[in-house]
Amino acid sequence: MKKLIFFLFTGLAISTITSAQAYEGTVEYDKKKQDAFMIDYSYSPEAVENAIIRKMEKLGYKPKEEKGIFNKDKGFKIFKGAYVTEANAERLDYIIKVEPKSRKNKDESVVSLILLKNGSNAKSGFGVAETEQVKDFLRNLLPNIEAADLEIQIRTQEEAIAKAEKKMKTLRTEKEELEKKLSDNIADQESTQKDIDNQKLTLEVLKGKRKKD
């Protein structure tokens, strides 16, 4: 019984740690403070953003990205007129930004989601059920993010292997070149030694021609 309680407690603890917490906040967009749905993930911004874009693309929506050095909305991904039933029953504009949680925690992310309807923030018109539905949508992205993070790990490992294989190829080429140089050096030494021996013989012959007093 004690073991069962321990495992149940452990499972609950793990579930609490791995589940992402969604909350409400505000974010600057389109030159004003916007009501937003927010959530923190213990995964890199790259993994989180990849997962969200892939999720939306599967639903048929490609993002438009805010760009430009002087664009204060830089980094936001805009999915115009998206119909995402997991989040809301209406067609809305999904404005999403993924950022590192902090400069120190670059492997943790904060997602901000603004929902617009006809250019106006739709959140103010949501009831409790609609609000929770959007939060559930964000929480339920966790398996997608885990899958995206795994793909990044796989890609990183493939790149590490490719780099190591490239280095090994270079080392083998260098080895072949060194072996050829060594072989040429040995042959050159043998040839030079023969030349030295012949030169010494010639010297002895020349010395033998000296006239004796």
N, C-alpha and C. Protein backbone atom coordinates (compact mmCIF):
# COMPACT_ATOMS: atom_id res chain seq x y z
N MET A 1 0.82 -1.20 0.00
CA MET A 1 0.00 0.00 0.00
C MET A 1 0.86 1.26 0.00
N LYS A 2 1.92 1.21 0.84
CA LYS A 2 2.83 2.36 0.90
C LYS A 2 3.50 2.60 -0.44
N LYS A 3 3.88 1.48 -1.12
CA LYS A 3 4.51 1.59 -2.44
C LYS A 3 3.56 2.22 -3.44
N LEU A 4 2.26 1.81 -3.38
CA LEU A 4 1.26 2.34 -4.29
C LEU A 4 1.10 3.84 -4.09
N ILE A 5 1.04 4.25 -2.82
CA ILE A 5 0.90 5.68 -2.50
C ILE A 5 2.11 6.45 -3.01
N PHE A 6 3.31 5.82 -2.84
CA PHE A 6 4.55 6.46 -3.28
C PHE A 6 4.54 6.68 -4.79
N PHE A 7 4.15 5.64 -5.54
CA PHE A 7 4.12 5.75 -7.00
C PHE A 7 3.08 6.76 -7.47
N LEU A 8 1.92 6.78 -6.79
CA LEU A 8 0.89 7.74 -7.15
C LEU A 8 1.36 9.17 -6.90
N PHE A 9 2.04 9.35 -5.77
CA PHE A 9 2.58 10.68 -5.43
C PHE A 9 3.65 11.10 -6.41
N THR A 10 4.54 10.11 -6.76
CA THR A 10 5.61 10.39 -7.71
C THR A 10 5.05 10.75 -9.08
N GLY A 11 4.04 9.99 -9.51
CA GLY A 11 3.41 10.26 -10.80
C GLY A 11 2.75 11.62 -10.83
N LEU A 12 2.09 11.99 -9.73
CA LEU A 12 1.45 13.29 -9.64
C LEU A 12 2.49 14.40 -9.69
N ALA A 13 3.61 14.19 -9.00
CA ALA A 13 4.68 15.19 -8.97
C ALA A 13 5.27 15.39 -10.35
N ILE A 14 5.51 14.26 -11.06
CA ILE A 14 6.07 14.35 -12.41
C ILE A 14 5.10 15.06 -13.34
N SER A 15 3.80 14.70 -13.21
CA SER A 15 2.78 15.32 -14.05
C SER A 15 2.71 16.83 -13.81
N THR A 16 2.85 17.22 -12.54
CA THR A 16 2.81 18.64 -12.19
C THR A 16 3.99 19.37 -12.78
N ILE A 17 5.17 18.72 -12.76
CA ILE A 17 6.39 19.34 -13.26
C ILE A 17 6.34 19.52 -14.77
N THR A 18 5.85 18.46 -15.47
CA THR A 18 5.90 18.47 -16.93
C THR A 18 4.76 19.26 -17.56
N SER A 19 3.63 19.44 -16.81
CA SER A 19 2.51 20.16 -17.41
C SER A 19 2.81 21.66 -17.43
N ALA A 20 2.42 22.30 -18.53
CA ALA A 20 2.67 23.73 -18.67
C ALA A 20 1.49 24.50 -18.09
N GLN A 21 1.77 25.62 -17.47
CA GLN A 21 0.74 26.43 -16.84
C GLN A 21 0.37 27.62 -17.73
N ALA A 22 -0.91 27.68 -18.12
CA ALA A 22 -1.40 28.80 -18.94
C ALA A 22 -1.99 29.87 -18.03
N TYR A 23 -1.83 31.12 -18.43
CA TYR A 23 -2.35 32.22 -17.64
C TYR A 23 -2.69 33.40 -18.56
N GLU A 24 -3.23 34.44 -17.98
CA GLU A 24 -3.63 35.63 -18.75
C GLU A 24 -2.69 36.80 -18.44
N GLY A 25 -2.45 37.63 -19.45
CA GLY A 25 -1.57 38.77 -19.26
C GLY A 25 -1.77 39.79 -20.36
N THR A 26 -0.84 40.69 -20.48
CA THR A 26 -0.89 41.68 -21.56
C THR A 26 0.45 41.71 -22.28
N VAL A 27 0.41 42.08 -23.55
CA VAL A 27 1.62 42.16 -24.35
C VAL A 27 1.47 43.32 -25.33
N GLU A 28 2.58 43.96 -25.64
CA GLU A 28 2.57 45.10 -26.56
C GLU A 28 2.49 44.60 -28.00
N TYR A 29 1.48 45.05 -28.71
CA TYR A 29 1.34 44.71 -30.13
C TYR A 29 0.49 45.77 -30.82
N ASP A 30 0.89 46.13 -32.03
CA ASP A 30 0.17 47.12 -32.83
C ASP A 30 0.05 48.44 -32.06
N LYS A 31 1.16 48.82 -31.40
CA LYS A 31 1.29 50.11 -30.69
C LYS A 31 0.36 50.25 -29.48
N LYS A 32 -0.09 49.10 -28.92
CA LYS A 32 -0.92 49.20 -27.71
C LYS A 32 -0.85 47.89 -26.91
N LYS A 33 -1.21 48.01 -25.64
CA LYS A 33 -1.26 46.84 -24.77
C LYS A 33 -2.44 45.98 -25.18
N GLN A 34 -2.15 44.69 -25.36
CA GLN A 34 -3.19 43.76 -25.79
C GLN A 34 -3.40 42.68 -24.73
N ASP A 35 -4.68 42.36 -24.46
CA ASP A 35 -4.96 41.20 -23.61
C ASP A 35 -4.46 39.96 -24.33
N ALA A 36 -3.81 39.07 -23.58
CA ALA A 36 -3.21 37.89 -24.22
C ALA A 36 -3.32 36.68 -23.31
N PHE A 37 -3.27 35.53 -23.96
CA PHE A 37 -3.13 34.27 -23.25
C PHE A 37 -1.65 33.91 -23.28
N MET A 38 -1.12 33.47 -22.15
CA MET A 38 0.31 33.22 -22.06
C MET A 38 0.56 31.85 -21.41
N ILE A 39 1.72 31.30 -21.75
CA ILE A 39 2.08 30.01 -21.17
C ILE A 39 3.60 29.86 -21.20
N ASP A 40 4.13 29.21 -20.18
CA ASP A 40 5.57 28.94 -20.08
C ASP A 40 5.83 27.48 -20.39
N TYR A 41 6.88 27.25 -21.16
CA TYR A 41 7.29 25.88 -21.48
C TYR A 41 8.77 25.70 -21.14
N SER A 42 9.10 24.52 -20.67
CA SER A 42 10.50 24.21 -20.34
C SER A 42 11.22 23.65 -21.57
N TYR A 43 11.02 24.34 -22.69
CA TYR A 43 11.66 23.95 -23.94
C TYR A 43 12.16 25.20 -24.65
N SER A 44 13.10 25.02 -25.55
CA SER A 44 13.70 26.16 -26.26
C SER A 44 12.66 26.85 -27.14
N PRO A 45 12.83 28.16 -27.37
CA PRO A 45 11.93 28.88 -28.28
C PRO A 45 11.86 28.24 -29.67
N GLU A 46 12.97 27.69 -30.14
CA GLU A 46 12.99 27.04 -31.45
C GLU A 46 12.03 25.87 -31.49
N ALA A 47 12.08 25.02 -30.46
CA ALA A 47 11.21 23.85 -30.41
C ALA A 47 9.74 24.27 -30.31
N VAL A 48 9.47 25.25 -29.46
CA VAL A 48 8.09 25.71 -29.26
C VAL A 48 7.53 26.34 -30.54
N GLU A 49 8.33 27.21 -31.15
CA GLU A 49 7.87 27.88 -32.37
C GLU A 49 7.67 26.88 -33.50
N ASN A 50 8.60 25.93 -33.64
CA ASN A 50 8.46 24.89 -34.68
C ASN A 50 7.17 24.11 -34.49
N ALA A 51 6.86 23.78 -33.24
CA ALA A 51 5.66 22.98 -32.94
C ALA A 51 4.39 23.76 -33.29
N ILE A 52 4.37 25.04 -32.92
CA ILE A 52 3.17 25.85 -33.18
C ILE A 52 2.97 26.05 -34.69
N ILE A 53 4.04 26.37 -35.39
CA ILE A 53 3.94 26.58 -36.85
C ILE A 53 3.49 25.30 -37.54
N ARG A 54 4.06 24.17 -37.12
CA ARG A 54 3.68 22.88 -37.72
C ARG A 54 2.21 22.57 -37.44
N LYS A 55 1.78 22.85 -36.21
CA LYS A 55 0.39 22.61 -35.83
C LYS A 55 -0.56 23.43 -36.71
N MET A 56 -0.24 24.71 -36.87
CA MET A 56 -1.10 25.58 -37.66
C MET A 56 -1.04 25.25 -39.15
N GLU A 57 0.13 24.86 -39.62
CA GLU A 57 0.26 24.49 -41.04
C GLU A 57 -0.56 23.25 -41.36
N LYS A 58 -0.64 22.31 -40.40
CA LYS A 58 -1.46 21.12 -40.60
C LYS A 58 -2.94 21.47 -40.72
N LEU A 59 -3.30 22.59 -40.08
CA LEU A 59 -4.68 23.06 -40.17
C LEU A 59 -4.90 23.91 -41.42
N GLY A 60 -3.81 24.16 -42.16
CA GLY A 60 -3.91 24.89 -43.42
C GLY A 60 -3.55 26.36 -43.35
N TYR A 61 -2.85 26.76 -42.27
CA TYR A 61 -2.53 28.19 -42.11
C TYR A 61 -1.02 28.40 -42.00
N LYS A 62 -0.52 29.24 -42.90
CA LYS A 62 0.89 29.59 -42.86
C LYS A 62 1.06 30.98 -42.24
N PRO A 63 2.12 31.15 -41.46
CA PRO A 63 2.26 32.44 -40.76
C PRO A 63 2.86 33.54 -41.61
N LYS A 64 2.42 34.74 -41.30
CA LYS A 64 3.11 35.93 -41.80
C LYS A 64 3.91 36.44 -40.61
N GLU A 65 5.18 36.75 -40.83
CA GLU A 65 6.03 37.17 -39.72
C GLU A 65 6.29 38.67 -39.78
N GLU A 66 6.17 39.30 -38.61
CA GLU A 66 6.51 40.71 -38.50
C GLU A 66 8.03 40.84 -38.52
N LYS A 67 8.55 41.64 -39.45
CA LYS A 67 9.99 41.81 -39.59
C LYS A 67 10.35 43.29 -39.63
N GLY A 68 11.65 43.54 -39.70
CA GLY A 68 12.13 44.92 -39.82
C GLY A 68 12.82 45.39 -38.56
N ILE A 69 13.93 46.07 -38.73
CA ILE A 69 14.74 46.54 -37.60
C ILE A 69 13.95 47.47 -36.69
N PHE A 70 13.16 48.36 -37.29
CA PHE A 70 12.43 49.36 -36.51
C PHE A 70 10.98 48.93 -36.22
N ASN A 71 10.65 47.72 -36.53
CA ASN A 71 9.30 47.21 -36.29
C ASN A 71 9.19 46.69 -34.85
N LYS A 72 8.41 47.36 -34.02
CA LYS A 72 8.27 46.97 -32.62
C LYS A 72 7.53 45.64 -32.46
N ASP A 73 6.83 45.24 -33.51
CA ASP A 73 6.10 43.97 -33.47
C ASP A 73 6.92 42.82 -34.04
N LYS A 74 8.20 43.06 -34.25
CA LYS A 74 9.09 42.04 -34.82
C LYS A 74 9.05 40.76 -33.98
N GLY A 75 8.93 39.63 -34.68
CA GLY A 75 8.93 38.34 -33.98
C GLY A 75 7.55 37.72 -33.86
N PHE A 76 6.50 38.53 -33.99
CA PHE A 76 5.15 37.98 -33.93
C PHE A 76 4.84 37.20 -35.21
N LYS A 77 4.19 36.07 -35.05
CA LYS A 77 3.70 35.28 -36.18
C LYS A 77 2.19 35.49 -36.27
N ILE A 78 1.71 35.81 -37.46
CA ILE A 78 0.30 36.12 -37.65
C ILE A 78 -0.37 35.07 -38.52
N PHE A 79 -1.40 34.45 -37.97
CA PHE A 79 -2.20 33.48 -38.72
C PHE A 79 -3.58 34.10 -38.92
N LYS A 80 -3.78 34.67 -40.10
CA LYS A 80 -5.02 35.41 -40.39
C LYS A 80 -6.20 34.47 -40.62
N GLY A 81 -7.33 34.84 -40.02
CA GLY A 81 -8.58 34.13 -40.25
C GLY A 81 -8.49 32.64 -40.02
N ALA A 82 -7.83 32.24 -38.94
CA ALA A 82 -7.64 30.81 -38.66
C ALA A 82 -8.84 30.24 -37.91
N TYR A 83 -9.25 29.07 -38.34
CA TYR A 83 -10.36 28.36 -37.69
C TYR A 83 -9.77 27.18 -36.93
N VAL A 84 -9.56 27.39 -35.64
CA VAL A 84 -8.91 26.37 -34.79
C VAL A 84 -9.93 25.94 -33.73
N THR A 85 -10.62 24.87 -34.00
CA THR A 85 -11.72 24.45 -33.13
C THR A 85 -11.27 24.07 -31.74
N GLU A 86 -10.01 23.65 -31.61
CA GLU A 86 -9.50 23.31 -30.27
C GLU A 86 -9.43 24.53 -29.37
N ALA A 87 -9.30 25.71 -29.97
CA ALA A 87 -9.16 26.94 -29.19
C ALA A 87 -10.45 27.75 -29.13
N ASN A 88 -11.17 27.83 -30.26
CA ASN A 88 -12.37 28.65 -30.30
C ASN A 88 -13.24 28.24 -31.48
N ALA A 89 -14.53 28.45 -31.33
CA ALA A 89 -15.48 28.04 -32.38
C ALA A 89 -15.55 29.03 -33.53
N GLU A 90 -14.92 30.21 -33.37
CA GLU A 90 -14.97 31.22 -34.41
C GLU A 90 -13.67 31.32 -35.20
N ARG A 91 -13.76 31.93 -36.36
CA ARG A 91 -12.57 32.21 -37.16
C ARG A 91 -11.93 33.50 -36.64
N LEU A 92 -10.67 33.39 -36.20
CA LEU A 92 -9.99 34.52 -35.58
C LEU A 92 -8.58 34.68 -36.14
N ASP A 93 -8.00 35.85 -35.88
CA ASP A 93 -6.58 36.05 -36.19
C ASP A 93 -5.78 35.64 -34.97
N TYR A 94 -4.84 34.70 -35.17
CA TYR A 94 -3.98 34.22 -34.08
C TYR A 94 -2.62 34.93 -34.20
N ILE A 95 -2.33 35.78 -33.24
CA ILE A 95 -1.08 36.53 -33.22
C ILE A 95 -0.21 35.92 -32.12
N ILE A 96 0.89 35.30 -32.52
CA ILE A 96 1.69 34.51 -31.56
C ILE A 96 3.15 34.96 -31.55
N LYS A 97 3.67 35.05 -30.34
CA LYS A 97 5.10 35.35 -30.20
C LYS A 97 5.71 34.40 -29.19
N VAL A 98 6.86 33.84 -29.56
CA VAL A 98 7.60 32.93 -28.68
C VAL A 98 8.93 33.59 -28.32
N GLU A 99 9.20 33.69 -27.03
CA GLU A 99 10.42 34.34 -26.57
C GLU A 99 11.12 33.49 -25.51
N PRO A 100 12.44 33.68 -25.34
CA PRO A 100 13.12 33.03 -24.22
C PRO A 100 12.53 33.58 -22.92
N LYS A 101 12.44 32.73 -21.91
CA LYS A 101 11.88 33.17 -20.64
C LYS A 101 12.72 34.28 -20.02
N SER A 102 14.03 34.18 -20.17
CA SER A 102 14.94 35.22 -19.71
C SER A 102 16.27 35.03 -20.41
N ARG A 103 17.18 35.97 -20.20
CA ARG A 103 18.50 35.84 -20.81
C ARG A 103 19.25 34.64 -20.26
N LYS A 104 19.00 34.32 -19.01
CA LYS A 104 19.66 33.18 -18.38
C LYS A 104 19.00 31.86 -18.76
N ASN A 105 17.66 31.89 -18.92
CA ASN A 105 16.91 30.67 -19.24
C ASN A 105 16.54 30.63 -20.71
N LYS A 106 17.55 30.45 -21.57
CA LYS A 106 17.31 30.43 -23.01
C LYS A 106 16.67 29.12 -23.48
N ASP A 107 16.68 28.11 -22.62
CA ASP A 107 16.06 26.83 -22.96
C ASP A 107 14.63 26.75 -22.43
N GLU A 108 14.12 27.85 -21.91
CA GLU A 108 12.73 27.93 -21.48
C GLU A 108 12.05 29.05 -22.25
N SER A 109 10.76 28.88 -22.50
CA SER A 109 10.06 29.82 -23.39
C SER A 109 8.79 30.38 -22.78
N VAL A 110 8.43 31.56 -23.28
CA VAL A 110 7.15 32.17 -22.95
C VAL A 110 6.40 32.40 -24.27
N VAL A 111 5.17 31.92 -24.33
CA VAL A 111 4.34 32.11 -25.52
C VAL A 111 3.25 33.12 -25.19
N SER A 112 3.10 34.10 -26.07
CA SER A 112 2.01 35.08 -25.94
C SER A 112 1.08 34.89 -27.13
N LEU A 113 -0.20 34.73 -26.84
CA LEU A 113 -1.21 34.54 -27.89
C LEU A 113 -2.27 35.64 -27.80
N ILE A 114 -2.36 36.43 -28.86
CA ILE A 114 -3.40 37.46 -28.97
C ILE A 114 -4.42 36.96 -29.99
N LEU A 115 -5.67 37.08 -29.66
CA LEU A 115 -6.74 36.68 -30.57
C LEU A 115 -7.51 37.93 -31.00
N LEU A 116 -7.55 38.16 -32.30
CA LEU A 116 -8.25 39.32 -32.84
C LEU A 116 -9.43 38.89 -33.69
N LYS A 117 -10.49 39.69 -33.59
CA LYS A 117 -11.67 39.48 -34.43
C LYS A 117 -12.02 40.82 -35.06
N ASN A 118 -11.92 40.86 -36.38
CA ASN A 118 -12.17 42.11 -37.11
C ASN A 118 -11.28 43.25 -36.60
N GLY A 119 -10.06 42.92 -36.26
CA GLY A 119 -9.10 43.92 -35.83
C GLY A 119 -9.14 44.26 -34.36
N SER A 120 -10.13 43.76 -33.62
CA SER A 120 -10.27 44.06 -32.19
C SER A 120 -9.93 42.83 -31.36
N ASN A 121 -9.42 43.07 -30.15
CA ASN A 121 -9.07 41.97 -29.26
C ASN A 121 -10.32 41.21 -28.86
N ALA A 122 -10.31 39.90 -29.12
CA ALA A 122 -11.50 39.08 -28.89
C ALA A 122 -11.62 38.59 -27.45
N LYS A 123 -10.54 38.65 -26.70
CA LYS A 123 -10.52 38.07 -25.35
C LYS A 123 -11.55 38.70 -24.41
N SER A 124 -11.76 40.00 -24.57
CA SER A 124 -12.69 40.69 -23.67
C SER A 124 -14.12 40.15 -23.77
N GLY A 125 -14.44 39.53 -24.89
CA GLY A 125 -15.78 38.98 -25.06
C GLY A 125 -15.90 37.52 -24.67
N PHE A 126 -14.84 36.93 -24.16
CA PHE A 126 -14.86 35.51 -23.79
C PHE A 126 -15.45 35.31 -22.39
N GLY A 127 -16.21 34.24 -22.27
CA GLY A 127 -16.66 33.81 -20.95
C GLY A 127 -15.63 32.87 -20.35
N VAL A 128 -15.96 32.33 -19.18
CA VAL A 128 -15.03 31.43 -18.48
C VAL A 128 -14.72 30.21 -19.33
N ALA A 129 -15.73 29.61 -19.93
CA ALA A 129 -15.54 28.39 -20.72
C ALA A 129 -14.65 28.66 -21.93
N GLU A 130 -14.87 29.78 -22.62
CA GLU A 130 -14.06 30.11 -23.79
C GLU A 130 -12.62 30.41 -23.40
N THR A 131 -12.46 31.08 -22.27
CA THR A 131 -11.12 31.39 -21.77
C THR A 131 -10.35 30.11 -21.46
N GLU A 132 -11.01 29.19 -20.77
CA GLU A 132 -10.36 27.92 -20.42
C GLU A 132 -10.07 27.08 -21.66
N GLN A 133 -10.92 27.20 -22.68
CA GLN A 133 -10.70 26.45 -23.91
C GLN A 133 -9.40 26.87 -24.59
N VAL A 134 -9.14 28.18 -24.61
CA VAL A 134 -7.89 28.68 -25.20
C VAL A 134 -6.70 28.21 -24.37
N LYS A 135 -6.82 28.25 -23.06
CA LYS A 135 -5.75 27.79 -22.19
C LYS A 135 -5.47 26.31 -22.39
N ASP A 136 -6.54 25.55 -22.55
CA ASP A 136 -6.38 24.10 -22.80
C ASP A 136 -5.65 23.87 -24.13
N PHE A 137 -6.00 24.69 -25.12
CA PHE A 137 -5.33 24.60 -26.42
C PHE A 137 -3.82 24.78 -26.25
N LEU A 138 -3.42 25.78 -25.48
CA LEU A 138 -1.99 26.03 -25.24
C LEU A 138 -1.35 24.90 -24.44
N ARG A 139 -2.07 24.42 -23.41
CA ARG A 139 -1.53 23.33 -22.60
C ARG A 139 -1.37 22.05 -23.42
N ASN A 140 -2.33 21.83 -24.31
CA ASN A 140 -2.32 20.59 -25.10
C ASN A 140 -1.29 20.59 -26.22
N LEU A 141 -0.58 21.70 -26.38
CA LEU A 141 0.50 21.76 -27.37
C LEU A 141 1.75 21.04 -26.89
N LEU A 142 1.79 20.70 -25.61
CA LEU A 142 2.99 20.11 -25.01
C LEU A 142 3.51 18.88 -25.76
N PRO A 143 2.66 17.90 -26.14
CA PRO A 143 3.18 16.75 -26.90
C PRO A 143 3.79 17.17 -28.24
N ASN A 144 3.20 18.17 -28.90
CA ASN A 144 3.75 18.67 -30.16
C ASN A 144 5.13 19.29 -29.94
N ILE A 145 5.26 20.01 -28.83
CA ILE A 145 6.54 20.65 -28.50
C ILE A 145 7.59 19.61 -28.16
N GLU A 146 7.19 18.59 -27.42
CA GLU A 146 8.12 17.50 -27.09
C GLU A 146 8.62 16.82 -28.36
N ALA A 147 7.70 16.61 -29.31
CA ALA A 147 8.08 15.99 -30.59
C ALA A 147 9.02 16.90 -31.38
N ALA A 148 8.73 18.21 -31.38
CA ALA A 148 9.59 19.17 -32.09
C ALA A 148 10.96 19.23 -31.44
N ASP A 149 10.99 19.18 -30.12
CA ASP A 149 12.28 19.21 -29.40
C ASP A 149 13.09 17.96 -29.73
N LEU A 150 12.42 16.81 -29.82
CA LEU A 150 13.11 15.57 -30.18
C LEU A 150 13.72 15.68 -31.57
N GLU A 151 12.98 16.28 -32.51
CA GLU A 151 13.50 16.45 -33.87
C GLU A 151 14.75 17.34 -33.87
N ILE A 152 14.75 18.36 -33.02
CA ILE A 152 15.93 19.23 -32.92
C ILE A 152 17.11 18.45 -32.36
N GLN A 153 16.85 17.62 -31.34
CA GLN A 153 17.92 16.78 -30.77
C GLN A 153 18.48 15.82 -31.82
N ILE A 154 17.57 15.23 -32.60
CA ILE A 154 18.00 14.30 -33.65
C ILE A 154 18.84 15.02 -34.69
N ARG A 155 18.37 16.21 -35.11
CA ARG A 155 19.10 17.00 -36.10
C ARG A 155 20.48 17.41 -35.56
N THR A 156 20.51 17.82 -34.29
CA THR A 156 21.77 18.22 -33.66
C THR A 156 22.74 17.04 -33.61
N GLN A 157 22.21 15.85 -33.29
CA GLN A 157 23.05 14.66 -33.23
C GLN A 157 23.55 14.27 -34.62
N GLU A 158 22.68 14.40 -35.62
CA GLU A 158 23.09 14.11 -37.00
C GLU A 158 24.18 15.06 -37.45
N GLU A 159 24.05 16.33 -37.07
CA GLU A 159 25.07 17.33 -37.42
C GLU A 159 26.38 17.03 -36.72
N ALA A 160 26.30 16.58 -35.46
CA ALA A 160 27.51 16.23 -34.70
C ALA A 160 28.22 15.04 -35.34
N ILE A 161 27.43 14.04 -35.78
CA ILE A 161 28.00 12.87 -36.45
C ILE A 161 28.63 13.27 -37.77
N ALA A 162 27.92 14.10 -38.56
CA ALA A 162 28.45 14.56 -39.85
C ALA A 162 29.76 15.33 -39.66
N LYS A 163 29.82 16.15 -38.61
CA LYS A 163 31.03 16.92 -38.31
C LYS A 163 32.18 15.99 -37.94
N ALA A 164 31.87 14.97 -37.11
CA ALA A 164 32.90 14.02 -36.69
C ALA A 164 33.38 13.19 -37.88
N GLU A 165 32.44 12.79 -38.76
CA GLU A 165 32.81 12.01 -39.94
C GLU A 165 33.67 12.84 -40.89
N LYS A 166 33.35 14.12 -41.02
CA LYS A 166 34.15 15.01 -41.86
C LYS A 166 35.57 15.14 -41.31
N LYS A 167 35.66 15.25 -39.98
CA LYS A 167 36.98 15.34 -39.34
C LYS A 167 37.76 14.05 -39.56
N MET A 168 37.06 12.90 -39.41
CA MET A 168 37.72 11.61 -39.62
C MET A 168 38.23 11.48 -41.05
N LYS A 169 37.44 11.94 -42.02
CA LYS A 169 37.85 11.89 -43.42
C LYS A 169 39.11 12.73 -43.63
N THR A 170 39.13 13.91 -43.00
CA THR A 170 40.30 14.79 -43.10
C THR A 170 41.52 14.14 -42.48
N LEU A 171 41.32 13.51 -41.32
CA LEU A 171 42.43 12.84 -40.63
C LEU A 171 42.97 11.68 -41.45
N ARG A 172 42.07 10.93 -42.08
CA ARG A 172 42.51 9.80 -42.92
C ARG A 172 43.29 10.30 -44.13
N THR A 173 42.81 11.39 -44.72
CA THR A 173 43.52 11.98 -45.86
C THR A 173 44.91 12.45 -45.45
N GLU A 174 44.97 13.10 -44.27
CA GLU A 174 46.26 13.56 -43.75
C GLU A 174 47.18 12.38 -43.49
N LYS A 175 46.60 11.28 -42.97
CA LYS A 175 47.38 10.07 -42.68
C LYS A 175 47.97 9.50 -43.97
N GLU A 176 47.14 9.44 -45.01
CA GLU A 176 47.60 8.93 -46.31
C GLU A 176 48.72 9.81 -46.86
N GLU A 177 48.53 11.13 -46.71
CA GLU A 177 49.55 12.06 -47.20
C GLU A 177 50.86 11.91 -46.42
N LEU A 178 50.71 11.75 -45.08
CA LEU A 178 51.90 11.57 -44.24
C LEU A 178 52.61 10.26 -44.55
N GLU A 179 51.80 9.19 -44.77
CA GLU A 179 52.39 7.89 -45.11
C GLU A 179 53.13 7.96 -46.44
N LYS A 180 52.54 8.70 -47.41
CA LYS A 180 53.20 8.86 -48.70
C LYS A 180 54.50 9.66 -48.54
N LYS A 181 54.43 10.72 -47.71
CA LYS A 181 55.63 11.52 -47.45
C LYS A 181 56.71 10.67 -46.78
N LEU A 182 56.27 9.82 -45.83
CA LEU A 182 57.22 8.95 -45.13
C LEU A 182 57.84 7.96 -46.10
N SER A 183 56.98 7.38 -46.97
CA SER A 183 57.48 6.43 -47.96
C SER A 183 58.46 7.10 -48.91
N ASP A 184 58.10 8.31 -49.36
CA ASP A 184 58.99 9.07 -50.25
C ASP A 184 60.28 9.44 -49.53
N ASN A 185 60.14 9.75 -48.23
CA ASN A 185 61.32 10.12 -47.44
C ASN A 185 62.28 8.94 -47.31
N ILE A 186 61.74 7.75 -47.06
CA ILE A 186 62.57 6.55 -46.92
C ILE A 186 63.29 6.25 -48.23
N ALA A 187 62.51 6.34 -49.34
CA ALA A 187 63.11 6.10 -50.66
C ALA A 187 64.19 7.15 -50.95
N ASP A 188 63.92 8.40 -50.55
CA ASP A 188 64.88 9.48 -50.77
C ASP A 188 66.13 9.26 -49.92
N GLN A 189 65.94 8.77 -48.70
CA GLN A 189 67.08 8.48 -47.82
C GLN A 189 67.97 7.39 -48.43
N GLU A 190 67.32 6.34 -48.95
CA GLU A 190 68.08 5.24 -49.56
C GLU A 190 68.87 5.73 -50.77
N SER A 191 68.19 6.56 -51.59
CA SER A 191 68.85 7.11 -52.78
C SER A 191 70.01 8.02 -52.38
N THR A 192 69.77 8.84 -51.35
CA THR A 192 70.81 9.77 -50.89
C THR A 192 71.98 9.01 -50.28
N GLN A 193 71.67 7.93 -49.56
CA GLN A 193 72.75 7.14 -48.96
C GLN A 193 73.63 6.49 -50.05
N LYS A 194 72.98 6.02 -51.10
CA LYS A 194 73.75 5.45 -52.22
C LYS A 194 74.65 6.50 -52.85
N ASP A 195 74.07 7.71 -52.99
CA ASP A 195 74.85 8.82 -53.56
C ASP A 195 76.04 9.16 -52.67
N ILE A 196 75.79 9.15 -51.34
CA ILE A 196 76.88 9.42 -50.38
C ILE A 196 77.97 8.37 -50.51
N ASP A 197 77.54 7.10 -50.58
CA ASP A 197 78.52 6.00 -50.70
C ASP A 197 79.34 6.15 -51.98
N ASN A 198 78.65 6.50 -53.10
CA ASN A 198 79.36 6.68 -54.38
C ASN A 198 80.31 7.88 -54.30
N GLN A 199 79.88 8.94 -53.68
CA GLN A 199 80.73 10.12 -53.53
C GLN A 199 81.96 9.81 -52.68
N LYS A 200 81.77 9.00 -51.63
CA LYS A 200 82.90 8.61 -50.78
C LYS A 200 83.90 7.75 -51.57
N LEU A 201 83.37 6.85 -52.40
CA LEU A 201 84.25 6.01 -53.23
C LEU A 201 85.05 6.88 -54.19
N THR A 202 84.34 7.84 -54.78
CA THR A 202 85.00 8.77 -55.70
C THR A 202 86.09 9.54 -54.97
N LEU A 203 85.78 9.97 -53.74
CA LEU A 203 86.75 10.70 -52.94
C LEU A 203 87.98 9.85 -52.66
N GLU A 204 87.78 8.58 -52.33
CA GLU A 204 88.89 7.69 -52.03
C GLU A 204 89.75 7.49 -53.28
N VAL A 205 89.07 7.36 -54.44
CA VAL A 205 89.82 7.20 -55.68
C VAL A 205 90.67 8.44 -55.94
N LEU A 206 90.10 9.60 -55.76
CA LEU A 206 90.81 10.84 -55.95
C LEU A 206 91.99 10.98 -54.98
N LYS A 207 91.76 10.59 -53.76
CA LYS A 207 92.84 10.65 -52.78
C LYS A 207 93.96 9.69 -53.12
N GLY A 208 93.60 8.55 -53.75
CA GLY A 208 94.61 7.54 -54.13
C GLY A 208 95.50 8.02 -55.26
N LYS A 209 95.04 9.04 -55.94
CA LYS A 209 95.82 9.57 -57.06
C LYS A 209 96.87 10.60 -56.61
N ARG A 210 96.87 10.92 -55.31
CA ARG A 210 97.84 11.87 -54.82
C ARG A 210 99.26 11.33 -54.99
N LYS A 211 100.13 12.20 -55.35
CA LYS A 211 101.55 11.80 -55.49
C LYS A 211 102.19 11.74 -54.13
N LYS A 212 102.94 10.73 -53.92
CA LYS A 212 103.62 10.59 -52.64
C LYS A 212 104.99 11.24 -52.71
N ASP A 213 105.38 11.95 -51.63
CA ASP A 213 106.70 12.60 -51.59
C ASP A 213 107.79 11.55 -51.47
